[in-house]
Amino acid sequence: MRTGVDWNQTGQSCQLPYCIYACSRPLLADYTEQFADKGIAFEVLCHCAARTLILVYQPQQLEDLLQKQAISCYLQELGYKSGSVHSLLRQLGAKISCSQDFPHEIGIFLGYPLADIQGFIKNKGKNCKCSGYWKVYDDVEHAKRLFDAYNKCRDRLLKAVAEGVPLHLAAASF
């Protein structure tokens, strides 16, 4: 079923056509309020006439990830200035808005392994060992376990919502 919303495979970000986003801003405000006490935030990364890209994330987990030395150094190599999670998300949003090429380092913000992001960029998306929620260039077994866990989580969430459980309550059960 097409809803006008294009989710990435992990459901962590989505692109909304402009007309849908304009109508959905109250819903986004409601979700922001409903999920705040569950440690989940919504960030509009890019908003233009064609689409809106929204990142759904856990601020504390993202902050912990972005503070890892390898991640921080890699982002600096790519031109990011160190700062808060919000500052780094604004920088990512600016790169998305201003670039003809999509900044593949978005995978960092989605929690993809750094080695897989670097492998994807180096190989231009080719020669991966396997693919699922992302293309895997390093630890295939670990990635497969994550893909399986993500599938189970997604399926449980969709089942609960289909049974009428409000999204914020269904998500709280995880």
N, C-alpha and C. Protein backbone atom coordinates (compact mmCIF):
# COMPACT_ATOMS: atom_id res chain seq x y z
N MET A 1 0.84 -1.18 0.00
CA MET A 1 0.00 0.00 0.00
C MET A 1 0.88 1.24 0.00
N ARG A 2 0.66 2.17 -0.88
CA ARG A 2 1.41 3.43 -0.94
C ARG A 2 0.70 4.45 -0.08
N THR A 3 1.48 5.08 0.79
CA THR A 3 0.89 6.08 1.67
C THR A 3 1.38 7.47 1.33
N GLY A 4 2.29 7.56 0.37
CA GLY A 4 2.90 8.86 0.10
C GLY A 4 4.11 9.09 0.97
N VAL A 5 4.44 8.12 1.81
CA VAL A 5 5.60 8.22 2.68
C VAL A 5 6.60 7.17 2.24
N ASP A 6 7.82 7.56 1.95
CA ASP A 6 8.86 6.62 1.57
C ASP A 6 9.79 6.43 2.75
N TRP A 7 9.66 5.28 3.44
CA TRP A 7 10.51 4.97 4.59
C TRP A 7 11.77 4.30 4.09
N ASN A 8 12.91 4.59 4.75
CA ASN A 8 14.07 3.77 4.46
C ASN A 8 13.81 2.41 5.06
N GLN A 9 14.67 1.46 4.81
CA GLN A 9 14.36 0.09 5.21
C GLN A 9 14.29 -0.08 6.71
N THR A 10 14.95 0.75 7.49
CA THR A 10 14.89 0.59 8.93
C THR A 10 13.73 1.33 9.54
N GLY A 11 13.05 2.17 8.77
CA GLY A 11 11.94 2.94 9.31
C GLY A 11 12.43 4.06 10.19
N GLN A 12 13.72 4.36 10.14
CA GLN A 12 14.26 5.40 11.00
C GLN A 12 14.16 6.79 10.37
N SER A 13 14.02 6.84 9.11
CA SER A 13 13.82 8.14 8.48
C SER A 13 12.82 7.96 7.35
N CYS A 14 12.18 9.04 6.99
CA CYS A 14 11.23 8.95 5.90
C CYS A 14 11.26 10.24 5.11
N GLN A 15 10.82 10.15 3.87
CA GLN A 15 10.69 11.31 3.02
C GLN A 15 9.21 11.53 2.75
N LEU A 16 8.73 12.69 3.10
CA LEU A 16 7.34 13.02 2.87
C LEU A 16 7.25 14.04 1.74
N PRO A 17 6.41 13.80 0.75
CA PRO A 17 6.19 14.85 -0.24
C PRO A 17 5.71 16.12 0.48
N TYR A 18 6.05 17.27 -0.07
CA TYR A 18 5.78 18.56 0.58
C TYR A 18 4.33 18.69 1.02
N CYS A 19 3.40 18.32 0.15
CA CYS A 19 1.98 18.51 0.48
C CYS A 19 1.57 17.65 1.68
N ILE A 20 2.15 16.45 1.80
CA ILE A 20 1.82 15.60 2.94
C ILE A 20 2.43 16.17 4.21
N TYR A 21 3.68 16.67 4.13
CA TYR A 21 4.32 17.22 5.32
C TYR A 21 3.53 18.41 5.86
N ALA A 22 3.06 19.26 4.96
CA ALA A 22 2.30 20.43 5.41
C ALA A 22 1.08 20.01 6.21
N CYS A 23 0.43 18.94 5.78
CA CYS A 23 -0.74 18.44 6.49
C CYS A 23 -0.38 17.63 7.73
N SER A 24 0.86 17.13 7.78
CA SER A 24 1.28 16.24 8.85
C SER A 24 1.99 16.96 10.00
N ARG A 25 2.25 18.24 9.87
CA ARG A 25 2.97 18.94 10.94
C ARG A 25 2.28 18.80 12.29
N PRO A 26 0.96 18.90 12.38
CA PRO A 26 0.33 18.68 13.69
C PRO A 26 0.57 17.26 14.21
N LEU A 27 0.56 16.27 13.33
CA LEU A 27 0.83 14.90 13.74
C LEU A 27 2.27 14.77 14.24
N LEU A 28 3.21 15.39 13.55
CA LEU A 28 4.60 15.36 13.97
C LEU A 28 4.75 16.02 15.35
N ALA A 29 4.04 17.11 15.58
CA ALA A 29 4.07 17.77 16.89
C ALA A 29 3.49 16.84 17.96
N ASP A 30 2.40 16.15 17.64
CA ASP A 30 1.82 15.19 18.58
C ASP A 30 2.80 14.06 18.89
N TYR A 31 3.42 13.50 17.85
CA TYR A 31 4.38 12.42 18.06
C TYR A 31 5.56 12.91 18.90
N THR A 32 6.02 14.10 18.63
CA THR A 32 7.14 14.65 19.40
C THR A 32 6.79 14.69 20.88
N GLU A 33 5.57 15.10 21.18
CA GLU A 33 5.12 15.17 22.58
C GLU A 33 4.91 13.76 23.16
N GLN A 34 4.26 12.88 22.40
CA GLN A 34 3.95 11.54 22.89
C GLN A 34 5.19 10.68 23.12
N PHE A 35 6.20 10.87 22.30
CA PHE A 35 7.38 10.02 22.38
C PHE A 35 8.50 10.62 23.22
N ALA A 36 8.39 11.87 23.62
CA ALA A 36 9.47 12.52 24.36
C ALA A 36 9.82 11.77 25.64
N ASP A 37 8.82 11.34 26.39
CA ASP A 37 9.09 10.64 27.65
C ASP A 37 9.57 9.21 27.41
N LYS A 38 9.56 8.74 26.18
CA LYS A 38 10.07 7.43 25.83
C LYS A 38 11.48 7.51 25.25
N GLY A 39 12.04 8.73 25.26
CA GLY A 39 13.40 8.91 24.77
C GLY A 39 13.53 8.84 23.27
N ILE A 40 12.46 9.21 22.56
CA ILE A 40 12.48 9.20 21.09
C ILE A 40 12.19 10.61 20.59
N ALA A 41 13.00 11.04 19.64
CA ALA A 41 12.85 12.38 19.09
C ALA A 41 12.66 12.32 17.58
N PHE A 42 12.10 13.38 17.04
CA PHE A 42 11.86 13.52 15.61
C PHE A 42 12.57 14.79 15.16
N GLU A 43 13.36 14.68 14.11
CA GLU A 43 14.11 15.84 13.62
C GLU A 43 13.90 15.97 12.12
N VAL A 44 13.44 17.12 11.69
CA VAL A 44 13.33 17.40 10.27
C VAL A 44 14.74 17.74 9.79
N LEU A 45 15.29 16.86 8.95
CA LEU A 45 16.65 17.08 8.44
C LEU A 45 16.66 18.00 7.23
N CYS A 46 15.66 17.84 6.39
CA CYS A 46 15.63 18.59 5.15
C CYS A 46 14.18 18.83 4.78
N HIS A 47 13.90 20.03 4.36
CA HIS A 47 12.55 20.39 3.96
C HIS A 47 12.66 21.30 2.74
N CYS A 48 12.13 20.84 1.64
CA CYS A 48 12.16 21.63 0.41
C CYS A 48 10.84 21.44 -0.33
N ALA A 49 10.74 22.02 -1.49
CA ALA A 49 9.49 21.92 -2.24
C ALA A 49 9.17 20.48 -2.64
N ALA A 50 10.20 19.66 -2.82
CA ALA A 50 9.98 18.29 -3.29
C ALA A 50 9.65 17.32 -2.16
N ARG A 51 10.31 17.47 -0.99
CA ARG A 51 10.13 16.48 0.07
C ARG A 51 10.61 16.99 1.41
N THR A 52 10.28 16.23 2.44
CA THR A 52 10.77 16.47 3.78
C THR A 52 11.36 15.16 4.29
N LEU A 53 12.57 15.24 4.85
CA LEU A 53 13.24 14.07 5.40
C LEU A 53 13.25 14.20 6.92
N ILE A 54 12.67 13.21 7.59
CA ILE A 54 12.54 13.23 9.05
C ILE A 54 13.35 12.07 9.63
N LEU A 55 14.17 12.36 10.63
CA LEU A 55 14.91 11.33 11.35
C LEU A 55 14.22 11.07 12.66
N VAL A 56 13.96 9.80 12.95
CA VAL A 56 13.40 9.38 14.23
C VAL A 56 14.54 8.70 14.97
N TYR A 57 14.85 9.19 16.17
CA TYR A 57 16.05 8.70 16.85
C TYR A 57 15.92 8.80 18.36
N GLN A 58 16.85 8.14 19.05
CA GLN A 58 16.96 8.22 20.49
C GLN A 58 18.14 9.13 20.80
N PRO A 59 17.88 10.33 21.32
CA PRO A 59 18.93 11.32 21.50
C PRO A 59 20.14 10.83 22.31
N GLN A 60 19.89 10.12 23.40
CA GLN A 60 21.03 9.69 24.23
C GLN A 60 21.88 8.66 23.50
N GLN A 61 21.23 7.72 22.82
CA GLN A 61 22.00 6.72 22.07
C GLN A 61 22.77 7.36 20.93
N LEU A 62 22.16 8.32 20.25
CA LEU A 62 22.85 8.98 19.15
C LEU A 62 24.02 9.80 19.69
N GLU A 63 23.82 10.48 20.80
CA GLU A 63 24.91 11.25 21.40
C GLU A 63 26.08 10.34 21.77
N ASP A 64 25.78 9.20 22.41
CA ASP A 64 26.83 8.25 22.77
C ASP A 64 27.58 7.76 21.53
N LEU A 65 26.86 7.48 20.47
CA LEU A 65 27.47 7.00 19.24
C LEU A 65 28.38 8.07 18.62
N LEU A 66 27.86 9.29 18.55
CA LEU A 66 28.61 10.37 17.90
C LEU A 66 29.84 10.78 18.70
N GLN A 67 29.89 10.44 19.97
CA GLN A 67 31.04 10.77 20.80
C GLN A 67 32.16 9.73 20.69
N LYS A 68 31.89 8.60 20.06
CA LYS A 68 32.95 7.61 19.87
C LYS A 68 34.03 8.22 18.99
N GLN A 69 35.28 7.96 19.37
CA GLN A 69 36.39 8.61 18.70
C GLN A 69 36.43 8.34 17.20
N ALA A 70 36.24 7.08 16.81
CA ALA A 70 36.30 6.74 15.38
C ALA A 70 35.21 7.47 14.59
N ILE A 71 34.02 7.54 15.16
CA ILE A 71 32.90 8.22 14.50
C ILE A 71 33.17 9.72 14.42
N SER A 72 33.56 10.30 15.53
CA SER A 72 33.83 11.74 15.59
C SER A 72 34.93 12.13 14.60
N CYS A 73 36.00 11.36 14.58
CA CYS A 73 37.10 11.65 13.64
C CYS A 73 36.66 11.53 12.19
N TYR A 74 35.87 10.50 11.91
CA TYR A 74 35.40 10.30 10.54
C TYR A 74 34.50 11.45 10.09
N LEU A 75 33.60 11.86 10.96
CA LEU A 75 32.73 12.99 10.61
C LEU A 75 33.55 14.26 10.39
N GLN A 76 34.57 14.47 11.20
CA GLN A 76 35.43 15.64 11.01
C GLN A 76 36.16 15.57 9.68
N GLU A 77 36.61 14.37 9.29
CA GLU A 77 37.25 14.19 7.98
C GLU A 77 36.30 14.58 6.85
N LEU A 78 35.00 14.37 7.08
CA LEU A 78 33.99 14.69 6.07
C LEU A 78 33.53 16.14 6.14
N GLY A 79 34.13 16.93 7.04
CA GLY A 79 33.81 18.35 7.10
C GLY A 79 32.85 18.76 8.19
N TYR A 80 32.44 17.83 9.04
CA TYR A 80 31.55 18.18 10.15
C TYR A 80 32.35 18.86 11.25
N LYS A 81 31.77 19.89 11.83
CA LYS A 81 32.36 20.55 12.99
C LYS A 81 31.79 19.88 14.23
N SER A 82 32.64 19.57 15.18
CA SER A 82 32.15 18.89 16.38
C SER A 82 31.14 19.79 17.10
N GLY A 83 30.23 19.16 17.78
CA GLY A 83 29.19 19.89 18.48
C GLY A 83 28.16 18.95 19.05
N SER A 84 27.05 19.50 19.44
CA SER A 84 25.96 18.71 20.02
C SER A 84 25.30 17.85 18.94
N VAL A 85 24.45 16.94 19.38
CA VAL A 85 23.69 16.12 18.45
C VAL A 85 22.90 17.02 17.50
N HIS A 86 22.25 18.03 18.04
CA HIS A 86 21.44 18.92 17.19
C HIS A 86 22.31 19.66 16.18
N SER A 87 23.49 20.08 16.60
CA SER A 87 24.41 20.75 15.69
C SER A 87 24.82 19.82 14.56
N LEU A 88 25.17 18.59 14.89
CA LEU A 88 25.57 17.63 13.87
C LEU A 88 24.40 17.28 12.94
N LEU A 89 23.20 17.18 13.50
CA LEU A 89 22.03 16.91 12.66
C LEU A 89 21.75 18.08 11.72
N ARG A 90 21.94 19.31 12.20
CA ARG A 90 21.78 20.48 11.31
C ARG A 90 22.82 20.44 10.19
N GLN A 91 24.05 20.05 10.52
CA GLN A 91 25.08 19.95 9.50
C GLN A 91 24.74 18.87 8.47
N LEU A 92 24.24 17.74 8.95
CA LEU A 92 23.80 16.68 8.05
C LEU A 92 22.67 17.18 7.16
N GLY A 93 21.70 17.86 7.76
CA GLY A 93 20.59 18.40 6.99
C GLY A 93 21.05 19.37 5.92
N ALA A 94 22.03 20.20 6.27
CA ALA A 94 22.57 21.15 5.29
C ALA A 94 23.24 20.41 4.14
N LYS A 95 23.95 19.33 4.45
CA LYS A 95 24.60 18.56 3.39
C LYS A 95 23.55 17.90 2.49
N ILE A 96 22.48 17.43 3.08
CA ILE A 96 21.41 16.82 2.29
C ILE A 96 20.79 17.87 1.37
N SER A 97 20.54 19.05 1.91
CA SER A 97 19.88 20.12 1.15
C SER A 97 20.74 20.69 0.05
N CYS A 98 22.04 20.77 0.29
CA CYS A 98 22.92 21.51 -0.61
C CYS A 98 23.69 20.65 -1.59
N SER A 99 23.55 19.35 -1.51
CA SER A 99 24.40 18.48 -2.31
C SER A 99 23.62 17.77 -3.39
N GLN A 100 24.26 17.62 -4.54
CA GLN A 100 23.68 16.80 -5.60
C GLN A 100 23.78 15.32 -5.21
N ASP A 101 24.88 14.98 -4.50
CA ASP A 101 25.09 13.61 -4.03
C ASP A 101 24.57 13.47 -2.62
N PHE A 102 23.86 12.39 -2.36
CA PHE A 102 23.34 12.16 -1.02
C PHE A 102 24.49 11.82 -0.09
N PRO A 103 24.56 12.44 1.08
CA PRO A 103 25.68 12.16 1.99
C PRO A 103 25.51 10.79 2.65
N HIS A 104 26.28 9.82 2.19
CA HIS A 104 26.13 8.45 2.67
C HIS A 104 26.49 8.28 4.14
N GLU A 105 27.16 9.27 4.70
CA GLU A 105 27.45 9.20 6.14
C GLU A 105 26.18 9.29 6.98
N ILE A 106 25.04 9.49 6.36
CA ILE A 106 23.79 9.45 7.10
C ILE A 106 23.66 8.10 7.81
N GLY A 107 24.31 7.07 7.25
CA GLY A 107 24.30 5.76 7.88
C GLY A 107 24.82 5.79 9.31
N ILE A 108 25.74 6.70 9.60
CA ILE A 108 26.24 6.84 10.98
C ILE A 108 25.08 7.21 11.89
N PHE A 109 24.28 8.18 11.46
CA PHE A 109 23.17 8.69 12.26
C PHE A 109 22.04 7.65 12.37
N LEU A 110 22.04 6.69 11.45
CA LEU A 110 21.05 5.61 11.48
C LEU A 110 21.55 4.39 12.25
N GLY A 111 22.80 4.46 12.72
CA GLY A 111 23.36 3.38 13.52
C GLY A 111 24.02 2.28 12.72
N TYR A 112 24.29 2.49 11.44
CA TYR A 112 24.98 1.49 10.65
C TYR A 112 26.44 1.41 11.10
N PRO A 113 27.06 0.23 11.01
CA PRO A 113 28.48 0.12 11.38
C PRO A 113 29.36 1.00 10.49
N LEU A 114 30.33 1.65 11.11
CA LEU A 114 31.22 2.56 10.39
C LEU A 114 31.95 1.85 9.25
N ALA A 115 32.40 0.62 9.49
CA ALA A 115 33.13 -0.11 8.45
C ALA A 115 32.25 -0.33 7.21
N ASP A 116 30.96 -0.53 7.43
CA ASP A 116 30.06 -0.74 6.30
C ASP A 116 29.80 0.57 5.55
N ILE A 117 29.73 1.66 6.27
CA ILE A 117 29.56 2.97 5.62
C ILE A 117 30.79 3.29 4.79
N GLN A 118 31.96 3.10 5.39
CA GLN A 118 33.20 3.37 4.67
C GLN A 118 33.34 2.44 3.46
N GLY A 119 32.96 1.17 3.63
CA GLY A 119 33.00 0.22 2.52
C GLY A 119 32.07 0.61 1.39
N PHE A 120 30.88 1.08 1.75
CA PHE A 120 29.91 1.52 0.75
C PHE A 120 30.46 2.70 -0.05
N ILE A 121 31.03 3.67 0.66
CA ILE A 121 31.56 4.86 -0.02
C ILE A 121 32.75 4.48 -0.90
N LYS A 122 33.66 3.68 -0.35
CA LYS A 122 34.87 3.27 -1.10
C LYS A 122 34.50 2.48 -2.34
N ASN A 123 33.52 1.58 -2.21
CA ASN A 123 33.15 0.70 -3.32
C ASN A 123 32.00 1.24 -4.17
N LYS A 124 31.57 2.46 -3.85
CA LYS A 124 30.47 3.08 -4.59
C LYS A 124 29.22 2.19 -4.61
N GLY A 125 28.97 1.52 -3.48
CA GLY A 125 27.78 0.69 -3.34
C GLY A 125 27.87 -0.67 -3.98
N LYS A 126 29.02 -1.02 -4.53
CA LYS A 126 29.19 -2.32 -5.19
C LYS A 126 30.05 -3.23 -4.30
N ASN A 127 30.09 -4.51 -4.66
CA ASN A 127 30.99 -5.49 -4.03
C ASN A 127 30.72 -5.76 -2.56
N CYS A 128 29.50 -5.60 -2.11
CA CYS A 128 29.20 -5.88 -0.71
C CYS A 128 29.14 -7.39 -0.49
N LYS A 129 29.33 -7.79 0.76
CA LYS A 129 29.28 -9.21 1.13
C LYS A 129 27.84 -9.69 1.23
N CYS A 130 26.95 -8.82 1.66
CA CYS A 130 25.51 -9.09 1.70
C CYS A 130 24.78 -7.76 1.89
N SER A 131 23.48 -7.78 1.74
CA SER A 131 22.73 -6.55 1.98
C SER A 131 21.40 -6.91 2.62
N GLY A 132 20.90 -5.95 3.34
CA GLY A 132 19.62 -6.08 4.02
C GLY A 132 19.14 -4.67 4.29
N TYR A 133 19.24 -4.24 5.53
CA TYR A 133 18.87 -2.87 5.87
C TYR A 133 19.93 -1.89 5.38
N TRP A 134 21.14 -2.38 5.17
CA TRP A 134 22.22 -1.63 4.56
C TRP A 134 23.12 -2.64 3.85
N LYS A 135 24.06 -2.16 3.08
CA LYS A 135 25.02 -3.04 2.42
C LYS A 135 26.16 -3.32 3.39
N VAL A 136 26.49 -4.60 3.51
CA VAL A 136 27.46 -5.04 4.50
C VAL A 136 28.80 -5.32 3.81
N TYR A 137 29.84 -4.70 4.35
CA TYR A 137 31.19 -4.89 3.83
C TYR A 137 32.12 -5.50 4.87
N ASP A 138 31.66 -5.66 6.10
CA ASP A 138 32.54 -6.13 7.16
C ASP A 138 31.98 -7.38 7.83
N ASP A 139 31.30 -7.25 8.94
CA ASP A 139 30.89 -8.36 9.78
C ASP A 139 29.50 -8.86 9.38
N VAL A 140 29.47 -9.84 8.49
CA VAL A 140 28.22 -10.34 7.93
C VAL A 140 27.34 -10.99 9.00
N GLU A 141 27.91 -11.81 9.85
CA GLU A 141 27.11 -12.51 10.86
C GLU A 141 26.44 -11.53 11.83
N HIS A 142 27.19 -10.53 12.26
CA HIS A 142 26.61 -9.51 13.15
C HIS A 142 25.48 -8.78 12.44
N ALA A 143 25.70 -8.41 11.19
CA ALA A 143 24.67 -7.70 10.43
C ALA A 143 23.41 -8.56 10.26
N LYS A 144 23.59 -9.83 9.98
CA LYS A 144 22.42 -10.71 9.81
C LYS A 144 21.63 -10.83 11.10
N ARG A 145 22.33 -10.88 12.24
CA ARG A 145 21.61 -10.93 13.53
C ARG A 145 20.83 -9.64 13.74
N LEU A 146 21.43 -8.50 13.40
CA LEU A 146 20.71 -7.23 13.52
C LEU A 146 19.52 -7.17 12.57
N PHE A 147 19.70 -7.59 11.34
CA PHE A 147 18.60 -7.58 10.37
C PHE A 147 17.43 -8.41 10.89
N ASP A 148 17.74 -9.56 11.46
CA ASP A 148 16.70 -10.43 12.01
C ASP A 148 15.99 -9.74 13.19
N ALA A 149 16.75 -9.14 14.07
CA ALA A 149 16.15 -8.43 15.22
C ALA A 149 15.29 -7.28 14.74
N TYR A 150 15.75 -6.53 13.73
CA TYR A 150 14.97 -5.41 13.20
C TYR A 150 13.66 -5.91 12.59
N ASN A 151 13.74 -7.01 11.86
CA ASN A 151 12.53 -7.58 11.24
C ASN A 151 11.51 -7.97 12.31
N LYS A 152 11.98 -8.63 13.36
CA LYS A 152 11.08 -9.05 14.43
C LYS A 152 10.45 -7.85 15.12
N CYS A 153 11.24 -6.84 15.38
CA CYS A 153 10.74 -5.62 16.02
C CYS A 153 9.70 -4.94 15.13
N ARG A 154 10.02 -4.79 13.86
CA ARG A 154 9.09 -4.17 12.91
C ARG A 154 7.78 -4.93 12.86
N ASP A 155 7.88 -6.26 12.76
CA ASP A 155 6.69 -7.09 12.65
C ASP A 155 5.81 -6.97 13.90
N ARG A 156 6.43 -6.96 15.08
CA ARG A 156 5.67 -6.82 16.33
C ARG A 156 4.98 -5.45 16.39
N LEU A 157 5.71 -4.41 15.98
CA LEU A 157 5.14 -3.07 16.01
C LEU A 157 3.97 -2.95 15.04
N LEU A 158 4.15 -3.44 13.82
CA LEU A 158 3.08 -3.37 12.83
C LEU A 158 1.86 -4.17 13.26
N LYS A 159 2.08 -5.33 13.89
CA LYS A 159 0.97 -6.15 14.36
C LYS A 159 0.19 -5.41 15.45
N ALA A 160 0.91 -4.79 16.38
CA ALA A 160 0.24 -4.06 17.46
C ALA A 160 -0.57 -2.89 16.91
N VAL A 161 -0.01 -2.15 15.99
CA VAL A 161 -0.71 -1.01 15.40
C VAL A 161 -1.93 -1.50 14.61
N ALA A 162 -1.77 -2.59 13.87
CA ALA A 162 -2.89 -3.16 13.11
C ALA A 162 -4.02 -3.61 14.03
N GLU A 163 -3.67 -3.98 15.26
CA GLU A 163 -4.68 -4.39 16.24
C GLU A 163 -5.28 -3.21 16.99
N GLY A 164 -4.88 -1.98 16.59
CA GLY A 164 -5.49 -0.80 17.16
C GLY A 164 -4.72 -0.15 18.31
N VAL A 165 -3.55 -0.66 18.64
CA VAL A 165 -2.75 -0.05 19.70
C VAL A 165 -2.15 1.24 19.15
N PRO A 166 -2.32 2.37 19.83
CA PRO A 166 -1.71 3.62 19.35
C PRO A 166 -0.19 3.45 19.23
N LEU A 167 0.39 4.09 18.23
CA LEU A 167 1.80 3.93 17.93
C LEU A 167 2.69 4.18 19.15
N HIS A 168 2.43 5.25 19.90
CA HIS A 168 3.32 5.56 21.02
C HIS A 168 3.23 4.51 22.11
N LEU A 169 2.08 3.86 22.27
CA LEU A 169 1.95 2.80 23.27
C LEU A 169 2.59 1.50 22.75
N ALA A 170 2.41 1.22 21.46
CA ALA A 170 3.01 0.02 20.88
C ALA A 170 4.54 0.12 20.95
N ALA A 171 5.08 1.28 20.66
CA ALA A 171 6.53 1.46 20.69
C ALA A 171 7.06 1.37 22.12
N ALA A 172 6.27 1.76 23.09
CA ALA A 172 6.71 1.73 24.49
C ALA A 172 6.87 0.31 24.99
N SER A 173 6.27 -0.66 24.33
CA SER A 173 6.34 -2.05 24.79
C SER A 173 7.65 -2.72 24.41
N PHE A 174 8.51 -2.02 23.70
CA PHE A 174 9.78 -2.63 23.25
C PHE A 174 10.88 -2.33 24.22
